[in-house]
């Protein structure tokens, strides 16, 4: 998808030069002649990034910046300030109002394009991180799998899912549940470090679902390490009485009491060691299938696809 950039400046020559150069780099560009015009256009169709000149008629760039940050639809759009005012206090004021970057006139057009591109990359990366675990989400997960397939690299895709997590969450509350999610993420990342796995990728799909992408030859050792780490530490997140008993009791809406075992971790693995993976959909489907086989066994376990295609 093409990134849209809104450029606001009262100098038509600058607008023309910026528009041409950004379009040559593959951006879609919309221009505005002052802060009021920029505010209206950004509100109507929010762009991916905004370049704002500070000194403009009707509404200056700092006022426009303040109003853009105050509106829900434009509050998180990356904004780069462009101005002839290079005093430190001007830069500080702009950054305090929420600007993401600052470039002073006269500027190099290549530098401006590079800064906008860098801000967009940082913004995309930040949006794709799980606020709970700090791990990358679905966008990065998809890209990582597709890159390995495109490059013909050998890999194993591990899909992890917690068992009996809902009962734990209902019994102890979502804050304790979040601790289990973070603990699982730690097990996945620490296991890769312990085994000295090069270039591992650990992602958080959402909820209690995770993925790891590792070299195909390390799948067995990795899964074993993750499961052992998880089982060694999960009871620390239970109340002592529940941990000693080995289960928790949950009462349903009808008042009936049910016993749920300790939260466990099921891992399913798709590997290019036994079959060629042509798409990320194929790899994820096999990993999910293996994960479902693992979930049929009690406790934490893993299943690796060893079927020949």
Protein backbone atom coordinates (compact mmCIF):
# COMPACT_ATOMS: atom_id res chain seq x y z
CA UNK A 1 0.00 0.00 0.00
CA UNK A 2 1.34 3.43 -0.97
CA UNK A 3 2.03 5.82 1.92
CA UNK A 4 0.25 9.18 1.69
CA UNK A 5 2.09 12.32 2.79
CA UNK A 6 0.44 15.70 3.36
CA UNK A 7 2.87 18.62 2.84
CA UNK A 8 1.86 22.08 4.10
CA UNK A 9 3.87 25.17 3.09
CA UNK A 10 2.92 28.64 1.86
CA UNK A 11 5.79 28.63 -0.66
CA UNK A 12 4.48 27.12 -3.95
CA UNK A 13 8.03 26.42 -5.18
CA UNK A 14 8.81 24.33 -2.11
CA UNK A 15 5.52 22.47 -2.44
CA UNK A 16 6.30 21.69 -6.07
CA UNK A 17 9.81 20.41 -5.37
CA UNK A 18 8.74 18.32 -2.39
CA UNK A 19 5.76 16.85 -4.22
CA UNK A 20 7.82 15.81 -7.27
CA UNK A 21 10.61 14.23 -5.24
CA UNK A 22 8.30 12.36 -2.88
CA UNK A 23 6.31 10.99 -5.81
CA UNK A 24 9.54 9.80 -7.43
CA UNK A 25 10.16 7.80 -4.24
CA UNK A 26 6.75 6.14 -4.51
CA UNK A 27 4.73 8.30 -2.12
CA UNK A 28 1.29 9.71 -2.80
CA UNK A 29 1.40 13.45 -2.02
CA UNK A 30 -1.27 15.98 -1.12
CA UNK A 31 -0.38 19.65 -0.57
CA UNK A 32 -1.80 22.39 1.64
CA UNK A 33 -1.09 26.12 1.48
CA UNK A 34 -1.39 26.90 5.22
CA UNK A 35 -2.18 25.40 8.60
CA UNK A 36 -5.93 25.72 8.23
CA UNK A 37 -5.85 23.97 4.87
CA UNK A 38 -3.62 21.21 6.31
CA UNK A 39 -5.94 20.69 9.27
CA UNK A 40 -9.01 20.36 7.06
CA UNK A 41 -7.37 17.96 4.62
CA UNK A 42 -5.79 15.81 7.34
CA UNK A 43 -9.13 15.56 9.15
CA UNK A 44 -11.05 14.67 5.98
CA UNK A 45 -8.65 11.93 4.84
CA UNK A 46 -5.89 11.23 7.40
CA UNK A 47 -2.51 10.72 5.68
CA UNK A 48 0.27 8.41 6.82
CA UNK A 49 2.57 11.37 7.59
CA UNK A 50 2.48 15.17 7.61
CA UNK A 51 5.21 17.69 6.81
CA UNK A 52 4.32 21.07 8.36
CA UNK A 53 6.00 24.42 7.76
CA UNK A 54 5.85 26.50 10.94
CA UNK A 55 5.57 30.00 9.46
CA UNK A 56 2.34 30.05 7.43
CA UNK A 57 -0.59 32.51 7.13
CA UNK A 58 -4.08 32.02 8.61
CA UNK A 59 -2.82 29.26 10.91
CA UNK A 60 0.85 28.64 11.68
CA UNK A 61 2.36 25.18 11.83
CA UNK A 62 2.60 24.98 15.61
CA UNK A 63 -1.11 25.79 16.02
CA UNK A 64 -1.97 23.23 13.36
CA UNK A 65 0.26 20.69 15.13
CA UNK A 66 -1.49 21.32 18.44
CA UNK A 67 -4.93 20.87 16.88
CA UNK A 68 -3.91 17.76 14.96
CA UNK A 69 -2.68 16.15 18.16
CA UNK A 70 -5.95 17.07 19.90
CA UNK A 71 -8.13 15.18 17.38
CA UNK A 72 -8.57 11.44 17.70
CA UNK A 73 -8.38 10.83 13.95
CA UNK A 74 -5.03 12.63 13.57
CA UNK A 75 -3.49 12.32 17.03
CA UNK A 76 -1.06 9.55 16.11
CA UNK A 77 -0.03 10.63 12.61
CA UNK A 78 3.76 11.20 12.36
CA UNK A 79 4.47 14.93 11.90
CA UNK A 80 7.74 16.48 10.73
CA UNK A 81 8.17 20.24 11.20
CA UNK A 82 9.79 22.22 8.39
CA UNK A 83 10.91 25.78 9.11
CA UNK A 84 13.47 28.52 8.65
CA UNK A 85 13.42 29.11 12.42
CA UNK A 86 16.32 27.04 13.70
CA UNK A 87 16.59 28.34 17.26
CA UNK A 88 16.75 25.61 19.92
CA UNK A 89 13.68 26.97 21.72
CA UNK A 90 11.66 26.68 18.50
CA UNK A 91 12.66 23.02 18.10
CA UNK A 92 11.91 22.30 21.74
CA UNK A 93 8.49 23.94 21.45
CA UNK A 94 7.64 21.88 18.40
CA UNK A 95 8.74 18.63 20.02
CA UNK A 96 6.81 19.47 23.19
CA UNK A 97 3.66 19.89 21.09
CA UNK A 98 4.12 16.41 19.66
CA UNK A 99 6.28 16.70 16.54
CA UNK A 100 8.16 13.54 15.64
CA UNK A 101 11.06 15.26 13.87
CA UNK A 102 12.32 18.70 12.89
CA UNK A 103 14.24 19.88 9.82
CA UNK A 104 15.46 23.41 9.16
CA UNK A 105 15.34 25.36 5.89
CA UNK A 106 17.19 25.42 3.61
CA UNK A 107 16.97 21.64 3.57
CA UNK A 108 18.24 18.82 1.41
CA UNK A 109 15.26 17.14 -0.26
CA UNK A 110 16.88 13.70 0.04
CA UNK A 111 17.26 14.21 3.77
CA UNK A 112 13.60 15.19 4.09
CA UNK A 113 12.50 12.07 2.19
CA UNK A 114 14.79 9.93 4.35
CA UNK A 115 13.44 11.42 7.58
CA UNK A 116 9.83 10.90 6.58
CA UNK A 117 10.61 7.32 5.58
CA UNK A 118 12.39 6.70 8.90
CA UNK A 119 9.49 8.11 10.93
CA UNK A 120 7.04 5.92 9.02
CA UNK A 121 9.16 2.82 9.68
CA UNK A 122 9.38 3.57 13.40
CA UNK A 123 5.66 4.25 13.61
CA UNK A 124 4.75 1.02 11.84
CA UNK A 125 7.11 -0.97 14.05
CA UNK A 126 5.69 0.60 17.22
CA UNK A 127 2.09 -0.04 16.17
CA UNK A 128 2.86 -3.69 15.49
CA UNK A 129 4.33 -4.36 18.94
CA UNK A 130 2.17 -5.97 21.58
CA UNK A 131 1.80 -3.51 24.46
CA UNK A 132 1.66 -6.48 26.84
CA UNK A 133 4.71 -8.48 25.77
CA UNK A 134 6.65 -6.05 23.58
CA UNK A 135 6.79 -8.71 20.88
CA UNK A 136 5.97 -7.99 17.21
CA UNK A 137 2.48 -8.81 15.98
CA UNK A 138 0.78 -10.16 12.88
CA UNK A 139 2.25 -7.72 10.34
CA UNK A 140 5.84 -8.61 11.25
CA UNK A 141 5.02 -12.29 11.68
CA UNK A 142 3.64 -12.50 8.15
CA UNK A 143 6.60 -10.59 6.72
CA UNK A 144 9.15 -12.79 8.52
CA UNK A 145 7.60 -16.01 7.20
CA UNK A 146 7.26 -14.64 3.67
CA UNK A 147 10.88 -13.43 3.64
CA UNK A 148 12.20 -16.85 4.64
CA UNK A 149 10.07 -18.56 1.99
CA UNK A 150 11.12 -16.06 -0.68
CA UNK A 151 14.81 -16.46 0.20
CA UNK A 152 14.55 -20.25 0.26
CA UNK A 153 15.79 -20.43 3.86
CA UNK A 154 15.22 -23.51 6.00
CA UNK A 155 13.01 -22.74 9.00
CA UNK A 156 10.60 -24.15 11.53
CA UNK A 157 7.42 -22.29 12.43
CA UNK A 158 6.33 -22.92 16.03
CA UNK A 159 2.78 -22.05 17.07
CA UNK A 160 2.26 -21.86 20.83
CA UNK A 161 -1.07 -21.80 22.64
CA UNK A 162 -1.89 -21.90 26.37
CA UNK A 163 -4.24 -24.53 27.78
CA UNK A 164 -6.68 -23.78 30.63
CA UNK A 165 -5.77 -20.11 30.43
CA UNK A 166 -9.37 -18.83 30.44
CA UNK A 167 -10.09 -20.61 33.69
CA UNK A 168 -6.96 -19.07 35.24
CA UNK A 169 -7.99 -15.64 33.98
CA UNK A 170 -11.53 -16.01 35.33
CA UNK A 171 -10.29 -17.28 38.69
CA UNK A 172 -7.46 -14.83 39.38
CA UNK A 173 -8.42 -11.84 37.22
CA UNK A 174 -6.98 -10.37 34.04
CA UNK A 175 -3.95 -8.77 35.73
CA UNK A 176 -2.72 -12.15 36.93
CA UNK A 177 -3.63 -13.50 33.51
CA UNK A 178 -1.38 -10.89 31.91
CA UNK A 179 1.48 -12.18 34.04
CA UNK A 180 1.00 -15.64 32.53
CA UNK A 181 1.10 -14.15 29.02
CA UNK A 182 4.32 -12.28 29.81
CA UNK A 183 5.81 -15.39 31.40
CA UNK A 184 5.06 -17.42 28.27
CA UNK A 185 6.70 -14.75 26.10
CA UNK A 186 9.77 -14.85 28.34
CA UNK A 187 10.01 -18.64 28.02
CA UNK A 188 9.93 -18.43 24.24
CA UNK A 189 12.58 -15.72 24.00
CA UNK A 190 14.86 -17.04 26.74
CA UNK A 191 14.88 -20.54 25.29
CA UNK A 192 16.23 -19.21 22.00
CA UNK A 193 18.97 -17.31 23.82
CA UNK A 194 19.90 -20.29 25.99
CA UNK A 195 20.29 -22.55 22.96
CA UNK A 196 22.31 -19.93 21.09
CA UNK A 197 19.87 -19.90 18.18
CA UNK A 198 20.93 -17.41 15.52
CA UNK A 199 18.36 -15.02 14.06
CA UNK A 200 15.30 -16.26 16.01
CA UNK A 201 12.00 -14.45 15.63
CA UNK A 202 9.42 -14.51 18.43
CA UNK A 203 6.00 -12.98 17.79
CA UNK A 204 2.77 -12.47 19.71
CA UNK A 205 -0.30 -13.15 17.56
CA UNK A 206 -2.58 -11.91 20.32
CA UNK A 207 -4.26 -13.29 23.44
CA UNK A 208 -2.48 -16.48 24.46
CA UNK A 209 -1.15 -17.34 20.98
CA UNK A 210 2.52 -16.99 20.03
CA UNK A 211 4.82 -17.94 17.19
CA UNK A 212 8.54 -18.57 16.94
CA UNK A 213 10.53 -18.88 13.72
CA UNK A 214 13.82 -20.72 14.16
CA UNK A 215 16.22 -22.83 12.09
CA UNK A 216 14.55 -26.11 11.16
CA UNK A 217 17.27 -28.23 12.74
CA UNK A 218 16.69 -26.61 16.15
CA UNK A 219 12.95 -27.30 16.41
CA UNK A 220 13.12 -30.31 18.74
CA UNK A 221 15.67 -28.79 21.13
CA UNK A 222 13.83 -25.47 21.17
CA UNK A 223 10.40 -26.92 21.94
CA UNK A 224 11.85 -29.09 24.69
CA UNK A 225 13.60 -26.10 26.26
CA UNK A 226 10.47 -23.92 26.08
CA UNK A 227 8.21 -26.58 27.62
CA UNK A 228 10.65 -27.30 30.46
CA UNK A 229 11.03 -23.62 31.26
CA UNK A 230 7.29 -23.08 31.21
CA UNK A 231 6.51 -26.01 33.50
CA UNK A 232 9.32 -25.07 35.89
CA UNK A 233 7.89 -21.60 36.46
CA UNK A 234 4.13 -21.62 35.92
CA UNK A 235 3.25 -22.73 39.47
CA UNK A 236 4.92 -19.59 40.84
CA UNK A 237 1.99 -17.65 39.37
CA UNK A 238 -0.59 -19.62 41.40
CA UNK A 239 -1.63 -19.15 44.99
CA UNK A 240 0.24 -21.62 47.18
CA UNK A 241 -2.84 -23.70 48.03
CA UNK A 242 -3.83 -24.03 44.36
CA UNK A 243 -0.26 -24.88 43.34
CA UNK A 244 -0.04 -27.66 45.98
CA UNK A 245 -3.45 -28.98 44.95
CA UNK A 246 -2.51 -28.95 41.26
CA UNK A 247 -5.73 -27.33 40.03
CA UNK A 248 -8.11 -24.43 40.55
CA UNK A 249 -11.84 -24.50 41.07
CA UNK A 250 -14.07 -22.28 38.95
CA UNK A 251 -17.79 -21.81 39.47
CA UNK A 252 -19.85 -21.33 36.30
CA UNK A 253 -22.97 -19.20 35.82
CA UNK A 254 -25.20 -22.01 37.03
CA UNK A 255 -23.25 -22.33 40.26
CA UNK A 256 -21.60 -25.60 39.27
CA UNK A 257 -18.01 -26.13 40.39
CA UNK A 258 -15.32 -27.31 37.96
CA UNK A 259 -11.69 -28.23 38.53
CA UNK A 260 -9.15 -27.00 35.95
CA UNK A 261 -5.57 -28.28 35.73
CA UNK A 262 -2.56 -25.99 35.87
CA UNK A 263 -2.05 -23.86 32.76
CA UNK A 264 0.09 -25.70 30.23
CA UNK A 265 1.65 -24.87 26.86
CA UNK A 266 1.01 -26.69 23.58
CA UNK A 267 3.40 -26.20 20.67
CA UNK A 268 2.85 -27.20 17.05
CA UNK A 269 5.68 -27.13 14.52
CA UNK A 270 5.79 -26.90 10.73
CA UNK A 271 9.27 -27.49 9.32
CA UNK A 272 10.87 -27.19 5.91
CA UNK A 273 13.02 -30.21 6.79
CA UNK A 274 10.21 -32.53 5.76
CA UNK A 275 8.19 -30.49 3.30
CA UNK A 276 8.47 -27.41 1.13
CA UNK A 277 6.52 -24.38 2.32
CA UNK A 278 5.34 -22.23 -0.58
CA UNK A 279 3.22 -19.69 1.30
CA UNK A 280 2.88 -18.36 4.83
CA UNK A 281 -0.67 -19.72 4.83
CA UNK A 282 0.59 -23.24 4.21
CA UNK A 283 3.20 -22.99 6.96
CA UNK A 284 0.76 -21.58 9.50
CA UNK A 285 -1.91 -24.18 8.65
CA UNK A 286 0.50 -27.06 9.32
CA UNK A 287 1.73 -25.47 12.56
CA UNK A 288 -1.85 -24.98 13.79
CA UNK A 289 -2.71 -28.57 12.89
CA UNK A 290 0.25 -29.84 14.90
CA UNK A 291 -0.68 -27.56 17.79
CA UNK A 292 -4.16 -29.10 17.88
CA UNK A 293 -2.58 -32.57 18.08
CA UNK A 294 -0.44 -31.37 20.99
CA UNK A 295 -3.46 -29.99 22.83
CA UNK A 296 -5.01 -33.47 22.91
CA UNK A 297 -2.26 -34.54 25.30
CA UNK A 298 -2.36 -33.55 28.99
CA UNK A 299 0.16 -31.01 30.24
CA UNK A 300 2.72 -29.06 28.27
CA UNK A 301 3.85 -30.80 25.11
CA UNK A 302 4.79 -30.30 21.47
CA UNK A 303 4.22 -32.00 18.15
CA UNK A 304 6.47 -31.59 15.11
CA UNK A 305 5.17 -32.34 11.63
CA UNK A 306 7.27 -35.20 10.26
CA UNK A 307 4.99 -36.18 7.38
CA UNK A 308 6.49 -36.09 3.93
CA UNK A 309 4.57 -33.77 1.60
